[in-house]
Every structure is written in C-alpha cells, then in structure tokens.
Amino acid sequence: MRMSLDPPLDPDAYPFRHPIRVRFAETDAMGVVHHANYPLYLEETRVAWMRDLGHTYAKARDDGIDLAVIEVFVQYRKPLAFDEVVDVHLILGRQTRMTFQVGYLLAVDGEPRATAVTVHTCVNDTGRPVRPPQWLRDMADEALA
C-alpha cells in the first residue's frame, strides 16, 4: 500500500473545494449514495481542481499524460442522501518519483461524511509510467512546504 495520507476533518485545511449535488440515480434502495459513486465524486473534484489551476485534464492528455488511479481508499463516516450538496475538499499529499497522493474530505454543511485518498501514477499514451509533469511536482512541493 502506498497511502500514507490521513485526510484532515477540518475543511479549512484544504486549499480546494468543489460542490456536488447528490442525484437521485446515485442513491441505492436504502436512499443513500451507493458506495460505488464516491470515487466518481473524487474524480469530478480532481478534474475541477486541475481546471481551476489552469492545467485541464484535456490539456494533460494532449501533452500525452494520463493520471492513472492505482489505489483508492474511502472511509465512510455518515451516509450522503439525495439532493444534499456535498463539498468535496482536496489536498495534495506525499509524492514519490512516480506517484502522488490526493486527500479528500466530503462534507455537508461542514459535517464530515467521508474521507478518501487516491494514489496516482502518470502514464503516457501507451500506458507506460512516466514522471509527473513539472507543474504537478511543483504543486505537490508547495502543498507540503
């Protein structure tokens, strides 16, 4: 396991926030968000974060880079329900030569509902691992400074 990030429960500890409204189709027979939808929320937030930085995912792909998820961990604390607005907070974590971690807090009205960590590696258009681009290494270094 490559994960070493323990996402904080304080929303103020995160430099980026992306709101998502829970759709009815994302809920299960118990009326709560099905666990398989949480990684989709994480991905939507990563893409929004990159857009906010001016490094869109489409631009990364045009540059021949994909950010492959190689590990994902979600700790469910309290269910999410239909029509709630979930603030997904994002923070960069530790990076190695070939991987980097992203931490998340999913909260409704400031109340933690879940935390998560994804570990990524960059791959080229043939699927071979490559070093993360300089802008991403700089962001990770800045986040950990």
C-alpha atoms as a PDB file:
ATOM      1  CA  MET A   1       0.000   0.000   0.000  1.00  0.00           C
ATOM      2  CA  ARG A   2       1.348   3.403  -0.991  1.00  0.00           C
ATOM      3  CA  MET A   3      -1.114   5.502   1.006  1.00  0.00           C
ATOM      4  CA  SER A   4       0.307   7.457   3.901  1.00  0.00           C
ATOM      5  CA  LEU A   5      -2.002  10.461   3.880  1.00  0.00           C
ATOM      6  CA  ASP A   6      -4.527  10.884   6.690  1.00  0.00           C
ATOM      7  CA  PRO A   7      -7.024  13.469   5.380  1.00  0.00           C
ATOM      8  CA  PRO A   8      -7.906  16.127   7.971  1.00  0.00           C
ATOM      9  CA  LEU A   9     -11.508  16.528   9.142  1.00  0.00           C
ATOM     10  CA  ASP A  10     -11.244  20.343   9.121  1.00  0.00           C
ATOM     11  CA  PRO A  11     -12.485  21.800   5.809  1.00  0.00           C
ATOM     12  CA  ASP A  12     -10.222  24.825   6.336  1.00  0.00           C
ATOM     13  CA  ALA A  13      -7.155  22.582   5.963  1.00  0.00           C
ATOM     14  CA  TYR A  14      -7.925  22.090   2.258  1.00  0.00           C
ATOM     15  CA  PRO A  15      -6.947  24.578  -0.448  1.00  0.00           C
ATOM     16  CA  PHE A  16      -9.662  23.485  -2.905  1.00  0.00           C
ATOM     17  CA  ARG A  17     -13.417  22.822  -2.622  1.00  0.00           C
ATOM     18  CA  HIS A  18     -15.836  21.533  -5.249  1.00  0.00           C
ATOM     19  CA  PRO A  19     -19.602  21.326  -4.543  1.00  0.00           C
ATOM     20  CA  ILE A  20     -21.593  18.375  -5.916  1.00  0.00           C
ATOM     21  CA  ARG A  21     -25.367  17.909  -5.570  1.00  0.00           C
ATOM     22  CA  VAL A  22     -26.354  14.281  -4.994  1.00  0.00           C
ATOM     23  CA  ARG A  23     -28.594  12.992  -7.779  1.00  0.00           C
ATOM     24  CA  PHE A  24     -31.397  10.508  -7.143  1.00  0.00           C
ATOM     25  CA  ALA A  25     -29.816   7.986  -9.536  1.00  0.00           C
ATOM     26  CA  GLU A  26     -26.736   7.843  -7.268  1.00  0.00           C
ATOM     27  CA  THR A  27     -28.734   6.516  -4.323  1.00  0.00           C
ATOM     28  CA  ASP A  28     -29.488   2.887  -3.513  1.00  0.00           C
ATOM     29  CA  ALA A  29     -32.558   1.095  -2.169  1.00  0.00           C
ATOM     30  CA  MET A  30     -31.777   2.477   1.312  1.00  0.00           C
ATOM     31  CA  GLY A  31     -31.974   6.054  -0.009  1.00  0.00           C
ATOM     32  CA  VAL A  32     -28.283   6.818   0.477  1.00  0.00           C
ATOM     33  CA  VAL A  33     -25.472   7.298  -2.009  1.00  0.00           C
ATOM     34  CA  HIS A  34     -24.206   3.914  -3.131  1.00  0.00           C
ATOM     35  CA  HIS A  35     -20.573   3.373  -2.172  1.00  0.00           C
ATOM     36  CA  ALA A  36     -19.542   2.924  -5.826  1.00  0.00           C
ATOM     37  CA  ASN A  37     -20.364   6.584  -6.522  1.00  0.00           C
ATOM     38  CA  TYR A  38     -17.817   8.063  -4.127  1.00  0.00           C
ATOM     39  CA  PRO A  39     -14.853   7.523  -6.489  1.00  0.00           C
ATOM     40  CA  LEU A  40     -16.845   9.365  -9.172  1.00  0.00           C
ATOM     41  CA  TYR A  41     -17.135  12.361  -6.816  1.00  0.00           C
ATOM     42  CA  LEU A  42     -13.376  12.212  -6.217  1.00  0.00           C
ATOM     43  CA  GLU A  43     -12.654  12.154  -9.939  1.00  0.00           C
ATOM     44  CA  GLU A  44     -15.019  15.047 -10.676  1.00  0.00           C
ATOM     45  CA  THR A  45     -13.256  17.057  -7.976  1.00  0.00           C
ATOM     46  CA  ARG A  46      -9.755  16.262  -9.333  1.00  0.00           C
ATOM     47  CA  VAL A  47     -10.815  17.360 -12.818  1.00  0.00           C
ATOM     48  CA  ALA A  48     -12.333  20.584 -11.416  1.00  0.00           C
ATOM     49  CA  TRP A  49      -9.142  21.205  -9.389  1.00  0.00           C
ATOM     50  CA  MET A  50      -6.972  20.829 -12.483  1.00  0.00           C
ATOM     51  CA  ARG A  51      -9.270  23.171 -14.408  1.00  0.00           C
ATOM     52  CA  ASP A  52      -9.022  25.703 -11.562  1.00  0.00           C
ATOM     53  CA  LEU A  53      -5.218  25.518 -11.740  1.00  0.00           C
ATOM     54  CA  GLY A  54      -5.262  26.184 -15.466  1.00  0.00           C
ATOM     55  CA  HIS A  55      -3.978  22.663 -16.242  1.00  0.00           C
ATOM     56  CA  THR A  56      -7.066  20.944 -17.573  1.00  0.00           C
ATOM     57  CA  TYR A  57      -7.206  17.191 -17.807  1.00  0.00           C
ATOM     58  CA  ALA A  58      -7.773  17.576 -21.554  1.00  0.00           C
ATOM     59  CA  LYS A  59      -4.516  19.574 -21.781  1.00  0.00           C
ATOM     60  CA  ALA A  60      -2.652  16.892 -19.815  1.00  0.00           C
ATOM     61  CA  ARG A  61      -3.985  14.275 -22.229  1.00  0.00           C
ATOM     62  CA  ASP A  62      -2.988  16.469 -25.185  1.00  0.00           C
ATOM     63  CA  ASP A  63       0.508  16.527 -23.641  1.00  0.00           C
ATOM     64  CA  GLY A  64       0.457  12.715 -23.619  1.00  0.00           C
ATOM     65  CA  ILE A  65      -0.150  12.279 -19.863  1.00  0.00           C
ATOM     66  CA  ASP A  66      -2.916  10.444 -18.038  1.00  0.00           C
ATOM     67  CA  LEU A  67      -3.256  10.357 -14.242  1.00  0.00           C
ATOM     68  CA  ALA A  68      -3.955   6.707 -13.549  1.00  0.00           C
ATOM     69  CA  VAL A  69      -5.545   5.802 -10.200  1.00  0.00           C
ATOM     70  CA  ILE A  70      -3.580   2.920  -8.713  1.00  0.00           C
ATOM     71  CA  GLU A  71      -5.140   2.908  -5.240  1.00  0.00           C
ATOM     72  CA  VAL A  72      -8.290   4.327  -3.687  1.00  0.00           C
ATOM     73  CA  PHE A  73      -9.457   4.266  -0.096  1.00  0.00           C
ATOM     74  CA  VAL A  74     -12.692   5.699   1.260  1.00  0.00           C
ATOM     75  CA  GLN A  75     -13.673   5.860   4.915  1.00  0.00           C
ATOM     76  CA  TYR A  76     -17.437   6.263   5.164  1.00  0.00           C
ATOM     77  CA  ARG A  77     -18.448   8.221   8.257  1.00  0.00           C
ATOM     78  CA  LYS A  78     -22.100   9.108   7.670  1.00  0.00           C
ATOM     79  CA  PRO A  79     -24.269   8.485   4.583  1.00  0.00           C
ATOM     80  CA  LEU A  80     -24.891  11.042   1.888  1.00  0.00           C
ATOM     81  CA  ALA A  81     -28.502  11.433   0.737  1.00  0.00           C
ATOM     82  CA  PHE A  82     -30.382  12.606  -2.326  1.00  0.00           C
ATOM     83  CA  ASP A  83     -30.266  16.349  -3.026  1.00  0.00           C
ATOM     84  CA  GLU A  84     -27.616  17.132  -0.419  1.00  0.00           C
ATOM     85  CA  VAL A  85     -24.832  19.425  -1.557  1.00  0.00           C
ATOM     86  CA  VAL A  86     -21.548  17.711  -0.802  1.00  0.00           C
ATOM     87  CA  ASP A  87     -18.460  19.886  -0.586  1.00  0.00           C
ATOM     88  CA  VAL A  88     -15.570  17.749  -1.746  1.00  0.00           C
ATOM     89  CA  HIS A  89     -12.344  19.236  -0.412  1.00  0.00           C
ATOM     90  CA  LEU A  90      -8.999  18.322  -1.999  1.00  0.00           C
ATOM     91  CA  ILE A  91      -5.408  18.462  -0.809  1.00  0.00           C
ATOM     92  CA  LEU A  92      -2.241  17.093  -2.340  1.00  0.00           C
ATOM     93  CA  GLY A  93      -0.214  14.680  -0.275  1.00  0.00           C
ATOM     94  CA  ARG A  94       3.144  12.985  -0.490  1.00  0.00           C
ATOM     95  CA  GLN A  95       4.753  12.333  -3.819  1.00  0.00           C
ATOM     96  CA  THR A  96       7.474   9.960  -4.873  1.00  0.00           C
ATOM     97  CA  ARG A  97       9.390   9.868  -8.107  1.00  0.00           C
ATOM     98  CA  MET A  98       6.493   8.076  -9.814  1.00  0.00           C
ATOM     99  CA  THR A  99       3.389   8.532  -7.628  1.00  0.00           C
ATOM    100  CA  PHE A 100       1.446  11.194  -5.800  1.00  0.00           C
ATOM    101  CA  GLN A 101      -1.387  11.133  -3.290  1.00  0.00           C
ATOM    102  CA  VAL A 102      -4.551  13.203  -3.125  1.00  0.00           C
ATOM    103  CA  GLY A 103      -6.613  13.532   0.047  1.00  0.00           C
ATOM    104  CA  TYR A 104     -10.301  14.382   0.226  1.00  0.00           C
ATOM    105  CA  LEU A 105     -12.911  15.395   2.741  1.00  0.00           C
ATOM    106  CA  LEU A 106     -16.562  15.023   1.745  1.00  0.00           C
ATOM    107  CA  ALA A 107     -18.699  17.247   3.956  1.00  0.00           C
ATOM    108  CA  VAL A 108     -22.263  18.548   4.099  1.00  0.00           C
ATOM    109  CA  ASP A 109     -22.656  21.896   5.855  1.00  0.00           C
ATOM    110  CA  GLY A 110     -19.177  21.377   7.322  1.00  0.00           C
ATOM    111  CA  GLU A 111     -20.027  17.945   8.778  1.00  0.00           C
ATOM    112  CA  PRO A 112     -17.563  15.240   7.682  1.00  0.00           C
ATOM    113  CA  ARG A 113     -19.334  12.436   5.820  1.00  0.00           C
ATOM    114  CA  ALA A 114     -16.306  10.643   4.355  1.00  0.00           C
ATOM    115  CA  THR A 115     -12.583  10.952   3.862  1.00  0.00           C
ATOM    116  CA  ALA A 116     -10.653   9.446   0.999  1.00  0.00           C
ATOM    117  CA  VAL A 117      -7.215   9.058  -0.518  1.00  0.00           C
ATOM    118  CA  THR A 118      -6.290   8.293  -4.093  1.00  0.00           C
ATOM    119  CA  VAL A 119      -2.810   7.355  -5.257  1.00  0.00           C
ATOM    120  CA  HIS A 120      -1.888   8.143  -8.845  1.00  0.00           C
ATOM    121  CA  THR A 121       0.851   7.499 -11.308  1.00  0.00           C
ATOM    122  CA  CYS A 122       1.281   9.271 -14.603  1.00  0.00           C
ATOM    123  CA  VAL A 123       1.264   7.183 -17.747  1.00  0.00           C
ATOM    124  CA  ASN A 124       1.902   8.050 -21.369  1.00  0.00           C
ATOM    125  CA  ASP A 125      -0.412   7.300 -24.271  1.00  0.00           C
ATOM    126  CA  THR A 126       0.891   3.712 -24.434  1.00  0.00           C
ATOM    127  CA  GLY A 127       0.175   3.148 -20.720  1.00  0.00           C
ATOM    128  CA  ARG A 128       3.814   3.205 -19.608  1.00  0.00           C
ATOM    129  CA  PRO A 129       4.602   5.037 -16.357  1.00  0.00           C
ATOM    130  CA  VAL A 130       6.265   8.436 -16.677  1.00  0.00           C
ATOM    131  CA  ARG A 131       7.347  11.063 -14.180  1.00  0.00           C
ATOM    132  CA  PRO A 132       4.637  13.532 -13.159  1.00  0.00           C
ATOM    133  CA  PRO A 133       4.792  16.799 -15.106  1.00  0.00           C
ATOM    134  CA  GLN A 134       6.728  19.676 -13.548  1.00  0.00           C
ATOM    135  CA  TRP A 135       3.593  21.706 -12.750  1.00  0.00           C
ATOM    136  CA  LEU A 136       2.228  18.805 -10.688  1.00  0.00           C
ATOM    137  CA  ARG A 137       5.542  18.239  -8.884  1.00  0.00           C
ATOM    138  CA  ASP A 138       5.678  21.976  -8.093  1.00  0.00           C
ATOM    139  CA  MET A 139       2.115  21.901  -6.732  1.00  0.00           C
ATOM    140  CA  ALA A 140       2.878  18.912  -4.520  1.00  0.00           C
ATOM    141  CA  ASP A 141       6.083  20.515  -3.242  1.00  0.00           C
ATOM    142  CA  GLU A 142       4.198  23.735  -2.465  1.00  0.00           C
ATOM    143  CA  ALA A 143       1.396  21.860  -0.683  1.00  0.00           C
ATOM    144  CA  LEU A 144       3.883  20.067   1.549  1.00  0.00           C
ATOM    145  CA  ALA A 145       6.066  23.116   2.295  1.00  0.00           C
END
